Amino acid sequence: GTCSWLPLPEGVSPIRTKLVPGIKYNESDNTIRERAMRWVACGYTQVEGVNYSETYTATSKAIAIRIFLNMIMSLGMQGRKFDVPKAFTKAEIDSDIWVLQPEEKRLPGLLCQKRDGRGRPYAGRLHKALEGLKQAGHLFQTLNTETLVKKLGFKQMESHPTTFVQHTSDGIIMHEVWVDDFATGYTSWKLLMSFVRSYRAVEGLDLKDE
């Protein structure tokens, strides 16, 4: 799970969190498709060197996007867009981080009803990253890169680390990755479906077709 609910140890400075309501709309008619609540960390309360260190997240450069689009056109590839749902909550946390529960008086109330001997709600000791943490993007990008390169056999371009290419007997597939969004070019449907199945087979990961 995301965290373990435990009494907050003495001397630990926890990070505040909050629940953020979200609404997703249908593109066709702008009607509401889904209502959801996201549990988000208040990353501005983090302290460098205490509960985070590395925050760098690579993003696609304009030249990488131009090369990607040029290769799609020159090789006659089909194009597709994907994103990874709740991507920033998929990676293992890299520090010993404790978080407070959202405000008790706000709906829907506490996420865990247990209290310690002083009557304080239990705090969460994170196992996975939360949205809002300063290192969340970096941790997911590390996980995603390891998945593509080490588990699925893609080659990461040295000059453009957001570009990934794979040559197989079924053709060529390539991705331009912007954190948790994939722009994908492929030469055969079979190759694309093989990639999607393989990516989804990795524990905790999923791909949503946009």
Protein backbone atom coordinates (compact mmCIF):
# COMPACT_ATOMS: atom_id res chain seq x y z
CA GLY A 1 0.00 0.00 0.00
CA THR A 2 0.87 3.67 -0.08
CA CYS A 3 1.63 3.86 3.64
CA SER A 4 1.36 2.22 7.03
CA TRP A 5 -0.80 3.95 9.65
CA LEU A 6 1.14 4.22 12.91
CA PRO A 7 1.51 6.47 15.97
CA LEU A 8 3.76 9.39 15.07
CA PRO A 9 7.18 8.91 16.73
CA GLU A 10 8.53 11.66 18.94
CA GLY A 11 10.93 14.03 17.22
CA VAL A 12 9.60 13.35 13.71
CA SER A 13 8.46 16.32 11.61
CA PRO A 14 5.58 15.06 9.44
CA ILE A 15 4.44 16.57 6.16
CA ARG A 16 0.95 17.99 5.88
CA THR A 17 -1.46 16.51 3.34
CA LYS A 18 -4.85 17.40 1.93
CA LEU A 19 -7.63 15.92 -0.17
CA VAL A 20 -8.15 17.67 -3.50
CA PRO A 21 -11.43 17.17 -5.38
CA GLY A 22 -11.14 16.56 -9.08
CA ILE A 23 -13.58 16.35 -11.97
CA LYS A 24 -12.90 14.75 -15.35
CA TYR A 25 -15.01 15.71 -18.36
CA ASN A 26 -15.96 13.92 -21.58
CA GLU A 27 -14.22 15.58 -24.50
CA SER A 28 -17.16 15.00 -26.84
CA ASP A 29 -19.83 16.96 -24.94
CA ASN A 30 -18.04 18.34 -21.84
CA THR A 31 -20.28 16.38 -19.47
CA ILE A 32 -18.86 15.08 -16.20
CA ARG A 33 -17.25 11.66 -16.62
CA GLU A 34 -15.77 11.10 -13.19
CA ARG A 35 -15.50 12.69 -9.76
CA ALA A 36 -12.56 11.77 -7.58
CA MET A 37 -10.56 12.85 -4.53
CA ARG A 38 -6.77 12.93 -4.69
CA TRP A 39 -4.62 12.62 -1.60
CA VAL A 40 -1.85 15.17 -2.05
CA ALA A 41 1.21 16.04 0.02
CA CYS A 42 2.00 19.68 0.81
CA GLY A 43 5.51 19.51 -0.60
CA TYR A 44 6.29 23.08 0.40
CA THR A 45 6.68 21.82 3.97
CA GLN A 46 9.53 19.45 3.00
CA VAL A 47 13.11 20.16 4.04
CA GLU A 48 15.98 19.50 1.64
CA GLY A 49 18.39 16.89 2.97
CA VAL A 50 15.81 15.66 5.48
CA ASN A 51 12.94 14.24 3.45
CA TYR A 52 14.07 14.85 -0.11
CA SER A 53 17.27 15.28 -2.10
CA GLU A 54 16.94 14.69 -5.85
CA THR A 55 14.06 16.43 -7.65
CA TYR A 56 15.27 16.69 -11.28
CA THR A 57 12.81 15.44 -13.90
CA ALA A 58 13.84 15.52 -17.56
CA THR A 59 11.35 16.93 -20.06
CA SER A 60 11.34 16.71 -23.84
CA LYS A 61 13.37 19.31 -25.68
CA ALA A 62 12.01 20.91 -28.83
CA ILE A 63 14.67 19.23 -30.98
CA ALA A 64 13.79 15.79 -29.55
CA ILE A 65 10.12 16.34 -30.43
CA ARG A 66 11.06 17.44 -33.97
CA ILE A 67 13.25 14.35 -34.47
CA PHE A 68 10.49 12.11 -33.10
CA LEU A 69 7.86 13.57 -35.44
CA ASN A 70 10.25 13.45 -38.40
CA MET A 71 10.93 9.75 -37.79
CA ILE A 72 7.21 8.99 -37.57
CA MET A 73 6.58 10.67 -40.93
CA SER A 74 9.67 9.32 -42.71
CA LEU A 75 9.02 5.72 -41.55
CA GLY A 76 5.28 5.90 -42.17
CA MET A 77 4.46 5.13 -38.54
CA GLN A 78 1.08 5.29 -36.84
CA GLY A 79 0.78 7.56 -33.81
CA ARG A 80 -0.82 7.08 -30.39
CA LYS A 81 -0.95 8.89 -27.05
CA PHE A 82 -0.93 7.28 -23.62
CA ASP A 83 -0.63 8.38 -20.04
CA VAL A 84 0.10 6.52 -16.81
CA PRO A 85 -2.81 6.93 -14.35
CA LYS A 86 -1.76 8.16 -10.91
CA ALA A 87 1.85 7.92 -12.05
CA PHE A 88 3.43 9.81 -9.16
CA THR A 89 2.05 7.30 -6.65
CA LYS A 90 3.67 4.26 -8.31
CA ALA A 91 7.31 4.66 -7.27
CA GLU A 92 8.87 3.53 -4.01
CA ILE A 93 9.69 6.41 -1.68
CA ASP A 94 13.37 7.31 -1.26
CA SER A 95 13.32 8.76 2.27
CA ASP A 96 11.75 8.01 5.63
CA ILE A 97 8.70 10.25 5.26
CA TRP A 98 5.79 10.59 7.65
CA VAL A 99 2.62 12.42 6.67
CA LEU A 100 -0.27 13.80 8.65
CA GLN A 101 -3.79 12.90 7.68
CA PRO A 102 -5.96 15.52 5.95
CA GLU A 103 -7.86 17.86 8.26
CA GLU A 104 -10.24 15.86 10.42
CA LYS A 105 -13.07 18.40 10.17
CA ARG A 106 -13.13 18.37 6.37
CA LEU A 107 -15.09 15.75 4.48
CA PRO A 108 -14.65 12.85 4.11
CA GLY A 109 -12.77 12.98 7.42
CA LEU A 110 -9.84 10.87 8.57
CA LEU A 111 -8.39 8.20 6.29
CA CYS A 112 -7.56 6.10 9.36
CA GLN A 113 -9.67 6.26 12.52
CA LYS A 114 -7.03 4.95 14.93
CA ARG A 115 -5.51 7.28 17.53
CA ASP A 116 -2.44 7.15 19.73
CA GLY A 117 -2.33 7.33 23.52
CA ARG A 118 -2.55 11.11 23.39
CA GLY A 119 -5.66 11.08 21.24
CA ARG A 120 -3.87 12.14 18.07
CA PRO A 121 -4.85 10.50 14.76
CA TYR A 122 -2.34 8.01 13.42
CA ALA A 123 0.16 9.32 10.89
CA GLY A 124 1.20 7.63 7.66
CA ARG A 125 4.69 6.27 7.08
CA LEU A 126 5.02 6.32 3.30
CA HIS A 127 6.04 3.32 1.20
CA LYS A 128 5.10 4.97 -2.11
CA ALA A 129 5.35 8.55 -3.27
CA LEU A 130 2.41 10.95 -3.06
CA GLU A 131 1.47 13.63 -5.53
CA GLY A 132 2.82 16.94 -4.31
CA LEU A 133 6.11 15.59 -2.93
CA LYS A 134 9.08 17.41 -4.39
CA GLN A 135 10.72 14.16 -5.53
CA ALA A 136 7.57 12.49 -6.90
CA GLY A 137 8.24 13.29 -10.57
CA HIS A 138 11.88 12.24 -10.32
CA LEU A 139 10.99 8.94 -8.63
CA PHE A 140 8.40 8.03 -11.25
CA GLN A 141 10.70 8.95 -14.12
CA THR A 142 13.40 6.69 -12.66
CA LEU A 143 10.89 3.84 -12.34
CA ASN A 144 9.54 4.40 -15.85
CA THR A 145 13.00 4.51 -17.43
CA GLU A 146 14.07 1.31 -15.66
CA THR A 147 10.86 -0.36 -16.83
CA LEU A 148 11.33 0.62 -20.46
CA VAL A 149 15.06 -0.10 -20.65
CA LYS A 150 15.72 -2.99 -18.26
CA LYS A 151 12.40 -4.86 -18.37
CA LEU A 152 11.02 -4.14 -21.83
CA GLY A 153 14.25 -3.85 -23.80
CA PHE A 154 14.00 -0.31 -25.17
CA LYS A 155 17.09 1.73 -26.00
CA GLN A 156 17.24 5.18 -24.40
CA MET A 157 18.77 7.79 -26.68
CA GLU A 158 21.92 9.25 -25.08
CA SER A 159 21.47 12.69 -26.62
CA HIS A 160 17.73 12.80 -25.85
CA PRO A 161 16.98 10.81 -22.67
CA THR A 162 13.21 11.23 -23.09
CA THR A 163 13.26 9.21 -26.35
CA PHE A 164 13.07 5.41 -26.32
CA VAL A 165 13.33 3.11 -29.37
CA GLN A 166 12.91 -0.62 -29.90
CA HIS A 167 13.59 -2.63 -33.08
CA THR A 168 11.99 -6.08 -33.30
CA SER A 169 11.13 -8.62 -35.98
CA ASP A 170 7.65 -7.07 -36.05
CA GLY A 171 8.94 -3.57 -36.74
CA ILE A 172 9.86 -0.42 -34.84
CA ILE A 173 8.21 1.26 -31.87
CA MET A 174 9.37 4.48 -30.24
CA HIS A 175 8.22 6.77 -27.45
CA GLU A 176 8.74 10.41 -26.60
CA VAL A 177 8.02 10.54 -22.87
CA TRP A 178 7.03 13.70 -21.01
CA VAL A 179 7.12 12.54 -17.38
CA ASP A 180 3.93 10.41 -17.36
CA ASP A 181 2.70 11.07 -20.93
CA PHE A 182 3.71 8.92 -23.90
CA ALA A 183 3.68 9.97 -27.55
CA THR A 184 4.15 6.67 -29.38
CA GLY A 185 5.03 5.83 -32.95
CA TYR A 186 4.76 2.25 -34.24
CA THR A 187 4.92 0.36 -37.50
CA SER A 188 2.52 -2.46 -36.62
CA TRP A 189 -0.55 -2.87 -34.42
CA LYS A 190 0.80 -6.20 -33.14
CA LEU A 191 3.93 -4.47 -31.89
CA LEU A 192 1.93 -1.74 -30.13
CA MET A 193 -0.37 -4.24 -28.38
CA SER A 194 2.64 -6.30 -27.30
CA PHE A 195 4.17 -3.21 -25.70
CA VAL A 196 0.93 -2.25 -23.92
CA ARG A 197 0.50 -5.77 -22.49
CA SER A 198 4.12 -5.91 -21.35
CA TYR A 199 3.98 -2.49 -19.69
CA ARG A 200 0.75 -3.30 -17.89
CA ALA A 201 2.25 -6.59 -16.70
CA VAL A 202 4.76 -4.66 -14.58
CA GLU A 203 3.40 -4.57 -11.02
CA GLY A 204 1.57 -1.35 -10.23
CA LEU A 205 1.82 0.21 -13.70
CA ASP A 206 -0.88 0.87 -16.25
CA LEU A 207 -1.35 2.75 -19.51
CA LYS A 208 -4.42 4.73 -20.48
CA ASP A 209 -5.12 5.40 -24.14
CA GLU A 210 -5.77 9.06 -24.80
